[in-house]
Amino acid sequence: MARTWLVLLLILAVAALALMVPRETARAQRLEFTSPSDTAFKGSVERVQADLARNVESWRGARDCGSPARARAALKPVLAQWLGRRMTDRPMQRLARWGYHSGEIWHEAQVIDGQPQCRAGFRRVIAFAEFR
């Protein structure tokens, strides 16, 4: 009888550990975009860039946290605000090209209380603007 309880306890401990370990390990992927270059004006190019990762909130969900569409949706308002400020700072210059590239998008998938959940965010996302 004691041996049965020990075996049952061992099975329960292994099952509990299996539920606590994420089903999918955290992994990274890249996301990037560059607008077409405006070649109407020739001249020197001034490039401005910044890391916006700290300004972009991480996102959560039941699944699909690693999708590029969700990452772009989180980035879009922060990028628009940053780009608008850069354009306001340079009223006499014309925006020639802009874009972004991420060093990494991380995401984690876990099972919490029997429900699949995920969380994701940017480790680094560089936005740039080129003015003429």
C-alpha atoms as a PDB file:
ATOM      1  CA  MET A   1       0.000   0.000   0.000  1.00  0.00           C
ATOM      2  CA  ALA A   2       2.826   2.403   0.869  1.00  0.00           C
ATOM      3  CA  ARG A   3       4.551   1.620  -2.435  1.00  0.00           C
ATOM      4  CA  THR A   4       1.337   2.433  -4.356  1.00  0.00           C
ATOM      5  CA  TRP A   5       1.119   5.829  -2.660  1.00  0.00           C
ATOM      6  CA  LEU A   6       4.749   6.586  -3.472  1.00  0.00           C
ATOM      7  CA  VAL A   7       4.233   5.693  -7.131  1.00  0.00           C
ATOM      8  CA  LEU A   8       1.049   7.778  -7.264  1.00  0.00           C
ATOM      9  CA  LEU A   9       2.822  10.717  -5.607  1.00  0.00           C
ATOM     10  CA  LEU A  10       5.688  10.447  -8.096  1.00  0.00           C
ATOM     11  CA  ILE A  11       3.260  10.432 -11.043  1.00  0.00           C
ATOM     12  CA  LEU A  12       1.466  13.501  -9.668  1.00  0.00           C
ATOM     13  CA  ALA A  13       4.763  15.341  -9.163  1.00  0.00           C
ATOM     14  CA  VAL A  14       5.839  14.630 -12.750  1.00  0.00           C
ATOM     15  CA  ALA A  15       2.439  15.748 -14.071  1.00  0.00           C
ATOM     16  CA  ALA A  16       2.634  18.981 -12.065  1.00  0.00           C
ATOM     17  CA  LEU A  17       6.105  19.699 -13.424  1.00  0.00           C
ATOM     18  CA  ALA A  18       4.933  19.039 -16.970  1.00  0.00           C
ATOM     19  CA  LEU A  19       2.118  21.583 -16.573  1.00  0.00           C
ATOM     20  CA  MET A  20       4.450  24.239 -15.146  1.00  0.00           C
ATOM     21  CA  VAL A  21       6.994  23.992 -17.961  1.00  0.00           C
ATOM     22  CA  PRO A  22       6.104  26.126 -20.992  1.00  0.00           C
ATOM     23  CA  ARG A  23       4.941  24.078 -23.964  1.00  0.00           C
ATOM     24  CA  GLU A  24       6.956  26.251 -26.280  1.00  0.00           C
ATOM     25  CA  THR A  25      10.214  27.838 -25.233  1.00  0.00           C
ATOM     26  CA  ALA A  26      10.777  31.541 -25.670  1.00  0.00           C
ATOM     27  CA  ARG A  27      12.111  32.216 -29.126  1.00  0.00           C
ATOM     28  CA  ALA A  28      12.918  35.253 -31.202  1.00  0.00           C
ATOM     29  CA  GLN A  29      12.042  36.344 -34.707  1.00  0.00           C
ATOM     30  CA  ARG A  30      12.658  39.424 -36.854  1.00  0.00           C
ATOM     31  CA  LEU A  31      10.230  41.987 -38.225  1.00  0.00           C
ATOM     32  CA  GLU A  32      11.165  44.711 -40.720  1.00  0.00           C
ATOM     33  CA  PHE A  33       9.795  47.251 -43.170  1.00  0.00           C
ATOM     34  CA  THR A  34      11.349  49.961 -45.360  1.00  0.00           C
ATOM     35  CA  SER A  35       9.341  52.446 -47.376  1.00  0.00           C
ATOM     36  CA  PRO A  36      10.231  53.107 -51.008  1.00  0.00           C
ATOM     37  CA  SER A  37      12.864  55.810 -51.358  1.00  0.00           C
ATOM     38  CA  ASP A  38      11.754  59.258 -52.532  1.00  0.00           C
ATOM     39  CA  THR A  39      14.283  60.155 -55.218  1.00  0.00           C
ATOM     40  CA  ALA A  40      12.564  63.365 -56.391  1.00  0.00           C
ATOM     41  CA  PHE A  41      15.087  65.514 -54.554  1.00  0.00           C
ATOM     42  CA  LYS A  42      18.811  64.925 -54.795  1.00  0.00           C
ATOM     43  CA  GLY A  43      21.133  65.923 -52.016  1.00  0.00           C
ATOM     44  CA  SER A  44      22.589  64.771 -48.764  1.00  0.00           C
ATOM     45  CA  VAL A  45      20.584  62.430 -46.579  1.00  0.00           C
ATOM     46  CA  GLU A  46      20.221  62.912 -42.848  1.00  0.00           C
ATOM     47  CA  ARG A  47      19.361  59.659 -41.061  1.00  0.00           C
ATOM     48  CA  VAL A  48      17.717  59.638 -37.641  1.00  0.00           C
ATOM     49  CA  GLN A  49      17.100  56.416 -35.744  1.00  0.00           C
ATOM     50  CA  ALA A  50      16.013  55.254 -32.313  1.00  0.00           C
ATOM     51  CA  ASP A  51      15.251  52.066 -30.396  1.00  0.00           C
ATOM     52  CA  LEU A  52      11.515  52.088 -29.620  1.00  0.00           C
ATOM     53  CA  ALA A  53      11.338  48.764 -27.755  1.00  0.00           C
ATOM     54  CA  ARG A  54      10.868  50.365 -24.337  1.00  0.00           C
ATOM     55  CA  ASN A  55       7.912  52.389 -25.609  1.00  0.00           C
ATOM     56  CA  VAL A  56       6.017  49.441 -27.110  1.00  0.00           C
ATOM     57  CA  GLU A  57       3.848  47.501 -24.672  1.00  0.00           C
ATOM     58  CA  SER A  58       4.084  43.720 -24.634  1.00  0.00           C
ATOM     59  CA  TRP A  59       0.973  41.890 -25.783  1.00  0.00           C
ATOM     60  CA  ARG A  60      -0.884  38.878 -24.388  1.00  0.00           C
ATOM     61  CA  GLY A  61      -3.394  36.389 -25.642  1.00  0.00           C
ATOM     62  CA  ALA A  62      -4.536  32.806 -25.737  1.00  0.00           C
ATOM     63  CA  ARG A  63      -2.501  32.047 -28.867  1.00  0.00           C
ATOM     64  CA  ASP A  64      -0.859  33.641 -31.877  1.00  0.00           C
ATOM     65  CA  CYS A  65       1.309  36.044 -29.853  1.00  0.00           C
ATOM     66  CA  GLY A  66       4.221  35.449 -32.176  1.00  0.00           C
ATOM     67  CA  SER A  67       2.400  36.588 -35.298  1.00  0.00           C
ATOM     68  CA  PRO A  68       3.945  39.510 -37.185  1.00  0.00           C
ATOM     69  CA  ALA A  69       0.494  41.121 -37.473  1.00  0.00           C
ATOM     70  CA  ARG A  70       0.160  41.403 -33.682  1.00  0.00           C
ATOM     71  CA  ALA A  71       3.696  42.789 -33.421  1.00  0.00           C
ATOM     72  CA  ARG A  72       2.958  45.422 -36.092  1.00  0.00           C
ATOM     73  CA  ALA A  73      -0.298  46.354 -34.347  1.00  0.00           C
ATOM     74  CA  ALA A  74       1.587  47.007 -31.101  1.00  0.00           C
ATOM     75  CA  LEU A  75       4.342  48.948 -32.896  1.00  0.00           C
ATOM     76  CA  LYS A  76       2.174  51.071 -35.196  1.00  0.00           C
ATOM     77  CA  PRO A  77       0.998  53.820 -32.755  1.00  0.00           C
ATOM     78  CA  VAL A  78       4.438  54.233 -31.181  1.00  0.00           C
ATOM     79  CA  LEU A  79       6.123  54.363 -34.591  1.00  0.00           C
ATOM     80  CA  ALA A  80       3.602  56.912 -35.922  1.00  0.00           C
ATOM     81  CA  GLN A  81       4.148  59.150 -32.906  1.00  0.00           C
ATOM     82  CA  TRP A  82       7.944  58.913 -33.198  1.00  0.00           C
ATOM     83  CA  LEU A  83       7.909  59.583 -36.954  1.00  0.00           C
ATOM     84  CA  GLY A  84       5.541  62.537 -36.509  1.00  0.00           C
ATOM     85  CA  ARG A  85       7.885  64.094 -33.943  1.00  0.00           C
ATOM     86  CA  ARG A  86      10.887  63.666 -36.243  1.00  0.00           C
ATOM     87  CA  MET A  87       9.017  65.349 -39.089  1.00  0.00           C
ATOM     88  CA  THR A  88       7.926  68.206 -36.826  1.00  0.00           C
ATOM     89  CA  ASP A  89      11.540  68.664 -35.685  1.00  0.00           C
ATOM     90  CA  ARG A  90      12.607  69.181 -39.333  1.00  0.00           C
ATOM     91  CA  PRO A  91       9.947  71.341 -41.002  1.00  0.00           C
ATOM     92  CA  MET A  92      12.252  72.431 -43.857  1.00  0.00           C
ATOM     93  CA  GLN A  93      13.332  68.914 -44.791  1.00  0.00           C
ATOM     94  CA  ARG A  94      11.427  66.313 -46.766  1.00  0.00           C
ATOM     95  CA  LEU A  95      10.990  62.747 -45.548  1.00  0.00           C
ATOM     96  CA  ALA A  96      12.787  60.580 -48.123  1.00  0.00           C
ATOM     97  CA  ARG A  97      12.431  57.140 -46.552  1.00  0.00           C
ATOM     98  CA  TRP A  98      11.463  55.516 -43.259  1.00  0.00           C
ATOM     99  CA  GLY A  99      11.203  52.070 -41.784  1.00  0.00           C
ATOM    100  CA  TYR A 100      11.987  49.775 -38.904  1.00  0.00           C
ATOM    101  CA  HIS A 101      13.665  46.510 -38.126  1.00  0.00           C
ATOM    102  CA  SER A 102      13.564  44.479 -34.968  1.00  0.00           C
ATOM    103  CA  GLY A 103      16.523  42.774 -33.469  1.00  0.00           C
ATOM    104  CA  GLU A 104      14.194  40.341 -31.787  1.00  0.00           C
ATOM    105  CA  ILE A 105      10.561  39.705 -31.006  1.00  0.00           C
ATOM    106  CA  TRP A 106      10.261  37.300 -28.107  1.00  0.00           C
ATOM    107  CA  HIS A 107       7.253  35.242 -27.237  1.00  0.00           C
ATOM    108  CA  GLU A 108       6.416  32.656 -24.625  1.00  0.00           C
ATOM    109  CA  ALA A 109       3.642  30.108 -24.618  1.00  0.00           C
ATOM    110  CA  GLN A 110       2.527  28.675 -21.292  1.00  0.00           C
ATOM    111  CA  VAL A 111      -0.283  26.693 -19.785  1.00  0.00           C
ATOM    112  CA  ILE A 112      -1.655  28.416 -16.693  1.00  0.00           C
ATOM    113  CA  ASP A 113      -4.498  26.770 -14.787  1.00  0.00           C
ATOM    114  CA  GLY A 114      -5.011  24.442 -17.733  1.00  0.00           C
ATOM    115  CA  GLN A 115      -5.512  27.305 -20.206  1.00  0.00           C
ATOM    116  CA  PRO A 116      -3.007  28.113 -22.971  1.00  0.00           C
ATOM    117  CA  GLN A 117      -1.675  31.669 -22.732  1.00  0.00           C
ATOM    118  CA  CYS A 118       1.062  33.567 -24.475  1.00  0.00           C
ATOM    119  CA  ARG A 119       2.942  36.804 -24.079  1.00  0.00           C
ATOM    120  CA  ALA A 120       5.243  38.616 -26.501  1.00  0.00           C
ATOM    121  CA  GLY A 121       7.149  41.843 -26.981  1.00  0.00           C
ATOM    122  CA  PHE A 122      10.121  43.526 -28.576  1.00  0.00           C
ATOM    123  CA  ARG A 123      13.613  43.194 -27.181  1.00  0.00           C
ATOM    124  CA  ARG A 124      14.795  45.757 -29.684  1.00  0.00           C
ATOM    125  CA  VAL A 125      13.117  47.583 -32.568  1.00  0.00           C
ATOM    126  CA  ILE A 126      15.033  50.253 -34.464  1.00  0.00           C
ATOM    127  CA  ALA A 127      12.974  52.877 -36.274  1.00  0.00           C
ATOM    128  CA  PHE A 128      14.646  55.153 -38.796  1.00  0.00           C
ATOM    129  CA  ALA A 129      13.811  58.170 -40.931  1.00  0.00           C
ATOM    130  CA  GLU A 130      15.887  59.675 -43.722  1.00  0.00           C
ATOM    131  CA  PHE A 131      15.410  63.342 -44.599  1.00  0.00           C
ATOM    132  CA  ARG A 132      16.616  65.433 -47.565  1.00  0.00           C
END
